[in-house]
Amino acid sequence: MALAIALNVGWILLNWREVALLVLGIIFFFLIIFGLVINTTFLIREIRRNEQHDAFINAVTHELKTPIASIRLYLETLKTRDVNEDQRKEFYNIMLADSDRLLGTVEQVLRAGRTGHRRRRISNSIIDVNDIARECLELARVRYGLSDNHLMFFEAPLSDPICVAGDADELRAAFSNLIDNAVKYSDDDVKVSVSVSPIDEKRVAVRVADKGIGIPSAQLKRIFKRFYRVPGRFMARVKGTGLGLYIVRSVVEKHGGRVFAESPGLGHGSTFTVQLPRIS
């Protein structure tokens, strides 16, 4: 062993220039490989970001153009033709629904821009989670014309209200987005349940569960990214901007909570859980 070490050390001392060149060559080779990997990673991310932006622009264009075209069509019909009173009321109702859809798209885009500002402060007030969740559920019931069998609300049987500190409008938007998604991504037989329950003395959970088309397990963490929409023909049936769940995550995190999704897989529904700090 001593002889082997002596021979190796002697060879290195006699040929130190070749050894130095070999070491430098290996170092530069790994640096080049590392640079190529980094460059490829950023290139793939940029391509995906551009694809998401293009999909977002197409979705927003569709969501804006469709109700405008519908409203214009009914206005032209009212202007050029004589219609009876019942048809006139029906046209007015359709145009109001299209106006609400148009306004909802604009508000969602603006809200996504506001929630993206990390320095933006929220107005804190004491909010009863049961009241605001029930309010969002009733709003969805009226909007989609659903009965109690389709939209169900469950609350914990507690004598004291379950309260959180936060912005009522922001939380209302987050809960409404979750309920709207549950309805839109359900099959013909809509079964959506909203439940509010305390986790412990410091946290409360709001769960929105449906029996719809479900979410692949590989997509459960990615669906909260801005502009991201789950690929596949099942998801493509529902038009959207890819901002709803991003808004939910931003609002919940600004309130000191967390949100996550669970799903057994495609065709087995999904459950979204919002956890918020509870106040006594």
Foldseek 3Di string as FASTA:
>chain_A
DVVVVVVVVVVCVVPVVVVVVVVVVVVVVVVVVVVVVVVVVVVVVVVVVVVLVVLLVVLLCCLQPVLVVLLVVLVVCVVPDDDDPVVVVVSVVSNVLSVVSNVVSVVLVVLLVVLVDPPDDWQWDKDQPLVLLVVLQVVVCVSVVHDCQQEDEEEDPDPDTWIAITHSVLVSLLSNLLQVVQQQQADPRHHWYWYWDAPDPWKIKIKIWTQGFWDAPVCFVVLLDASDFDDDPSRVVDRDNSRNSVSNQSSLVSQVWGKTKDTPHTRGIIMIMIMGTTDD
